[in-house]
Amino acid sequence: MKYTYLDCLASFGIGGAHPGGLQLTKEILSKEEITETSTILDAGCGTGQTSAYIAETYKCSITGLDHNEMMVEKAKQRFQSKNLSVEARHGSVENLPFGEKSFDMILSESVLSFTDVTKTIPELRRVLKPDGVLLAIEMVLETPLPKEERATLTKFYGIPRILTEAQWNTLFQKADFQHIHMEKFTLSFDEPEFENASDFSLSEQLDEELYSILDQHLELTERYKKNLGFRVFRCCV
């Protein structure tokens, strides 16, 4: 394929493409103590939907970071159109361009699975302040899959591997996170995340292959809905 699954997301500019969409994000954040003095990193901010919501709702300092340059440009356009002072930066969560203890909170929505988590999770821990909190929505392997089928999924989505809940927990522990809380995602996996997305920021020209990738994604979610699920992880420093 000429394009990847992430290229597809960037080209369609889907805001809130993670499971549960912005509705789940709002629910998670409502349980946290966020004030105007809070500093938050939206790690893998995409088109900036979540960052804009946080800026508008909590009036705090929010920084969005994404590895996809098209996503970053669409996020900047969103912030400018809303007259929001949100910084959108291009960079990798595996090597964050921030100093130690920079943020009170990090929000990561279906991002870590696409990275080398042995690098990403320690990096997130590094830039969190004492008593900081990481909130992550991530895919988990609920039931075993044959090696060939796991390979089909990892190749299509461009992810290194699919982790179980226990494996995620071990990785957070190794990075010295404390009080790791895991909540099982309640919506069914076969409910397409695109239907929960609040908005789209379409590129001017969309290749037919991008629509094919979207169709393949929907087919895979249906095929593996009993094997794959999601968790909301809350990890404290």
Protein backbone atom coordinates (compact mmCIF):
# COMPACT_ATOMS: atom_id res chain seq x y z
CA MET A 1 0.00 0.00 0.00
CA LYS A 2 1.10 3.53 -0.74
CA TYR A 3 -0.51 4.80 2.46
CA THR A 4 -0.60 3.60 6.05
CA TYR A 5 -3.53 3.48 8.44
CA LEU A 6 -2.17 6.62 10.15
CA ASP A 7 -1.96 8.35 6.76
CA CYS A 8 -5.64 7.53 6.38
CA LEU A 9 -6.51 9.13 9.71
CA ALA A 10 -4.46 12.22 8.86
CA SER A 11 -5.97 12.63 5.40
CA PHE A 12 -9.54 12.34 6.67
CA GLY A 13 -8.56 14.52 9.63
CA ILE A 14 -10.80 12.64 12.02
CA GLY A 15 -11.12 14.37 15.38
CA GLY A 16 -11.61 12.06 18.35
CA ALA A 17 -10.89 8.90 16.35
CA HIS A 18 -10.11 6.91 19.49
CA PRO A 19 -12.77 4.56 20.93
CA GLY A 20 -15.41 6.51 22.79
CA GLY A 21 -14.43 9.70 21.01
CA LEU A 22 -14.64 13.09 22.69
CA GLN A 23 -17.46 11.86 24.92
CA LEU A 24 -15.13 9.43 26.67
CA THR A 25 -12.41 12.09 26.88
CA LYS A 26 -14.81 14.46 28.64
CA GLU A 27 -15.83 11.75 31.10
CA ILE A 28 -12.21 10.89 31.95
CA LEU A 29 -11.15 14.50 32.41
CA SER A 30 -14.20 15.36 34.55
CA LYS A 31 -12.82 13.06 37.25
CA GLU A 32 -9.49 14.92 37.43
CA GLU A 33 -8.54 18.06 39.34
CA ILE A 34 -7.65 20.44 36.51
CA THR A 35 -7.18 24.15 37.24
CA GLU A 36 -6.04 27.16 35.25
CA THR A 37 -2.50 26.55 36.53
CA SER A 38 -2.37 22.97 35.25
CA THR A 39 0.07 22.08 32.48
CA ILE A 40 -1.12 19.32 30.16
CA LEU A 41 0.45 17.46 27.25
CA ASP A 42 -1.83 15.97 24.61
CA ALA A 43 0.57 13.28 23.37
CA GLY A 44 -0.47 12.33 19.85
CA CYS A 45 -2.88 15.24 19.54
CA GLY A 46 -4.03 14.52 15.98
CA THR A 47 -6.12 17.39 14.62
CA GLY A 48 -6.29 18.97 18.06
CA GLN A 49 -9.89 18.24 19.03
CA THR A 50 -9.03 17.20 22.58
CA SER A 51 -6.49 20.00 23.06
CA ALA A 52 -9.05 22.59 21.94
CA TYR A 53 -11.67 21.15 24.31
CA ILE A 54 -9.26 21.30 27.25
CA ALA A 55 -8.22 24.87 26.46
CA GLU A 56 -11.82 26.03 26.15
CA THR A 57 -13.11 24.15 29.19
CA TYR A 58 -10.30 24.42 31.72
CA LYS A 59 -8.43 27.57 30.56
CA CYS A 60 -5.13 25.89 31.40
CA SER A 61 -1.81 25.50 29.58
CA ILE A 62 -2.10 22.75 26.97
CA THR A 63 0.50 21.55 24.47
CA GLY A 64 -0.33 19.23 21.58
CA LEU A 65 2.31 17.03 20.00
CA ASP A 66 2.03 14.69 17.03
CA HIS A 67 4.44 12.80 14.79
CA ASN A 68 2.33 13.36 11.67
CA GLU A 69 3.01 16.76 10.11
CA MET A 70 -0.38 16.87 8.37
CA MET A 71 -2.12 16.36 11.71
CA VAL A 72 -0.06 19.13 13.32
CA GLU A 73 -0.96 21.58 10.55
CA LYS A 74 -4.66 20.74 10.90
CA ALA A 75 -4.39 21.19 14.67
CA LYS A 76 -2.78 24.61 14.21
CA GLN A 77 -5.59 25.62 11.86
CA ARG A 78 -8.15 24.53 14.45
CA PHE A 79 -6.50 26.50 17.25
CA GLN A 80 -6.16 29.59 15.07
CA SER A 81 -9.80 29.45 13.94
CA LYS A 82 -10.90 29.24 17.58
CA ASN A 83 -8.39 31.88 18.71
CA LEU A 84 -6.87 29.49 21.23
CA SER A 85 -3.34 29.88 22.58
CA VAL A 86 -2.52 26.18 22.26
CA GLU A 87 0.92 25.14 21.09
CA ALA A 88 0.99 22.41 18.45
CA ARG A 89 4.39 20.79 17.95
CA HIS A 90 5.74 18.19 15.58
CA GLY A 91 7.67 15.51 17.41
CA SER A 92 7.89 11.92 18.60
CA VAL A 93 6.55 10.58 21.88
CA GLU A 94 9.49 8.19 21.86
CA ASN A 95 11.81 11.18 22.26
CA LEU A 96 9.82 14.07 23.70
CA PRO A 97 11.17 17.58 23.04
CA PHE A 98 10.50 18.68 26.62
CA GLY A 99 12.53 18.89 29.78
CA GLU A 100 12.07 16.72 32.84
CA LYS A 101 9.05 17.37 35.06
CA SER A 102 7.33 19.67 32.56
CA PHE A 103 3.69 18.60 32.87
CA ASP A 104 1.08 17.95 35.54
CA MET A 105 -0.85 15.64 33.25
CA ILE A 106 -0.39 13.73 30.00
CA LEU A 107 -3.31 12.50 27.95
CA SER A 108 -2.66 9.84 25.30
CA GLU A 109 -5.57 8.55 23.26
CA SER A 110 -4.83 5.41 21.21
CA VAL A 111 -1.26 6.53 20.57
CA LEU A 112 1.15 4.36 22.57
CA SER A 113 0.34 1.16 20.69
CA PHE A 114 1.75 2.74 17.53
CA THR A 115 5.12 3.35 19.17
CA ASP A 116 7.98 1.45 20.78
CA VAL A 117 6.45 1.43 24.25
CA THR A 118 9.79 0.55 25.87
CA LYS A 119 10.88 4.06 24.84
CA THR A 120 7.58 5.95 24.99
CA ILE A 121 6.37 5.05 28.48
CA PRO A 122 9.66 6.02 30.21
CA GLU A 123 9.63 9.28 28.22
CA LEU A 124 6.14 10.12 29.43
CA ARG A 125 7.24 9.35 32.97
CA ARG A 126 10.30 11.60 32.55
CA VAL A 127 8.34 14.73 31.62
CA LEU A 128 5.69 14.37 34.32
CA LYS A 129 5.98 16.44 37.47
CA PRO A 130 5.90 14.86 40.94
CA ASP A 131 2.30 13.74 41.59
CA GLY A 132 1.67 13.94 37.83
CA VAL A 133 -0.86 11.74 36.10
CA LEU A 134 -0.80 9.82 32.81
CA LEU A 135 -4.18 9.02 31.26
CA ALA A 136 -3.99 6.58 28.38
CA ILE A 137 -6.67 4.89 26.28
CA GLU A 138 -5.15 1.81 24.68
CA MET A 139 -6.04 -1.36 22.81
CA VAL A 140 -5.56 -4.67 24.63
CA LEU A 141 -5.60 -8.27 23.56
CA GLU A 142 -8.55 -9.86 25.38
CA THR A 143 -8.15 -13.42 24.10
CA PRO A 144 -5.23 -15.18 22.38
CA LEU A 145 -4.82 -14.95 18.61
CA PRO A 146 -2.80 -17.19 16.30
CA LYS A 147 0.54 -15.73 15.25
CA GLU A 148 -0.62 -15.24 11.66
CA GLU A 149 -3.68 -13.25 12.69
CA ARG A 150 -1.69 -11.08 15.07
CA ALA A 151 0.68 -10.40 12.18
CA THR A 152 -2.25 -9.33 9.99
CA LEU A 153 -3.30 -6.75 12.57
CA THR A 154 0.15 -5.44 13.39
CA LYS A 155 1.04 -5.07 9.70
CA PHE A 156 -2.16 -3.26 8.78
CA TYR A 157 -2.07 -0.82 11.70
CA GLY A 158 1.70 -0.44 11.70
CA ILE A 159 2.03 -1.37 15.35
CA PRO A 160 4.91 -3.38 16.88
CA ARG A 161 2.68 -5.72 18.89
CA ILE A 162 -0.68 -6.05 20.64
CA LEU A 163 -0.37 -6.08 24.42
CA THR A 164 -2.51 -7.71 27.06
CA GLU A 165 -3.68 -5.79 30.12
CA ALA A 166 -1.03 -7.55 32.22
CA GLN A 167 1.72 -6.57 29.76
CA TRP A 168 0.64 -2.92 29.83
CA ASN A 169 0.65 -3.01 33.62
CA THR A 170 4.18 -4.46 33.68
CA LEU A 171 5.46 -1.75 31.35
CA PHE A 172 3.98 1.03 33.49
CA GLN A 173 5.49 -0.53 36.60
CA LYS A 174 8.93 -0.80 34.99
CA ALA A 175 8.78 2.90 34.17
CA ASP A 176 8.22 3.56 37.89
CA PHE A 177 4.59 4.64 37.66
CA GLN A 178 2.65 4.24 40.88
CA HIS A 179 -1.01 3.47 41.62
CA ILE A 180 -1.80 2.05 38.19
CA HIS A 181 -5.57 1.85 37.74
CA MET A 182 -7.12 0.05 34.77
CA GLU A 183 -10.73 0.44 33.74
CA LYS A 184 -12.27 -1.78 31.10
CA PHE A 185 -13.73 0.11 28.20
CA THR A 186 -17.50 -0.30 28.24
CA LEU A 187 -18.45 0.34 24.61
CA SER A 188 -18.15 -2.62 22.27
CA PHE A 189 -15.12 -2.77 20.03
CA ASP A 190 -17.28 -3.15 16.94
CA GLU A 191 -18.81 0.29 17.44
CA PRO A 192 -16.76 2.22 14.85
CA GLU A 193 -14.77 5.00 16.46
CA PHE A 194 -15.42 7.17 13.43
CA GLU A 195 -19.08 7.31 14.41
CA ASN A 196 -18.04 8.80 17.73
CA ALA A 197 -15.82 11.40 16.08
CA SER A 198 -17.19 14.91 16.40
CA ASP A 199 -15.60 16.38 13.31
CA PHE A 200 -13.53 15.87 10.20
CA SER A 201 -10.84 18.00 8.60
CA LEU A 202 -10.66 16.55 5.12
CA SER A 203 -7.67 17.06 2.88
CA GLU A 204 -8.48 18.61 -0.51
CA GLN A 205 -7.62 15.49 -2.49
CA LEU A 206 -8.33 12.00 -1.18
CA ASP A 207 -6.85 9.00 -2.98
CA GLU A 208 -9.17 6.02 -3.52
CA GLU A 209 -6.70 3.86 -1.59
CA LEU A 210 -7.48 5.86 1.55
CA TYR A 211 -11.13 4.81 1.34
CA SER A 212 -9.98 1.22 0.88
CA ILE A 213 -7.90 1.44 4.06
CA LEU A 214 -10.90 2.77 5.94
CA ASP A 215 -13.00 -0.15 4.69
CA GLN A 216 -10.31 -2.63 5.75
CA HIS A 217 -10.21 -1.09 9.21
CA LEU A 218 -13.96 -1.50 9.65
CA GLU A 219 -13.75 -5.10 8.43
CA LEU A 220 -10.96 -5.93 10.88
CA THR A 221 -12.81 -4.39 13.83
CA GLU A 222 -15.79 -6.60 13.05
CA ARG A 223 -13.69 -9.73 12.57
CA TYR A 224 -11.72 -9.33 15.80
CA LYS A 225 -14.29 -7.69 18.05
CA LYS A 226 -14.17 -10.61 20.49
CA ASN A 227 -10.38 -10.66 20.65
CA LEU A 228 -9.62 -6.97 21.05
CA GLY A 229 -10.74 -4.47 23.65
CA PHE A 230 -9.65 -1.23 25.25
CA ARG A 231 -8.62 0.01 28.66
CA VAL A 232 -8.37 3.41 30.27
CA PHE A 233 -5.13 3.47 32.21
CA ARG A 234 -4.55 6.03 34.98
CA CYS A 235 -0.94 6.01 36.16
CA CYS A 236 0.43 8.30 38.86
CA VAL A 237 4.02 9.42 39.42
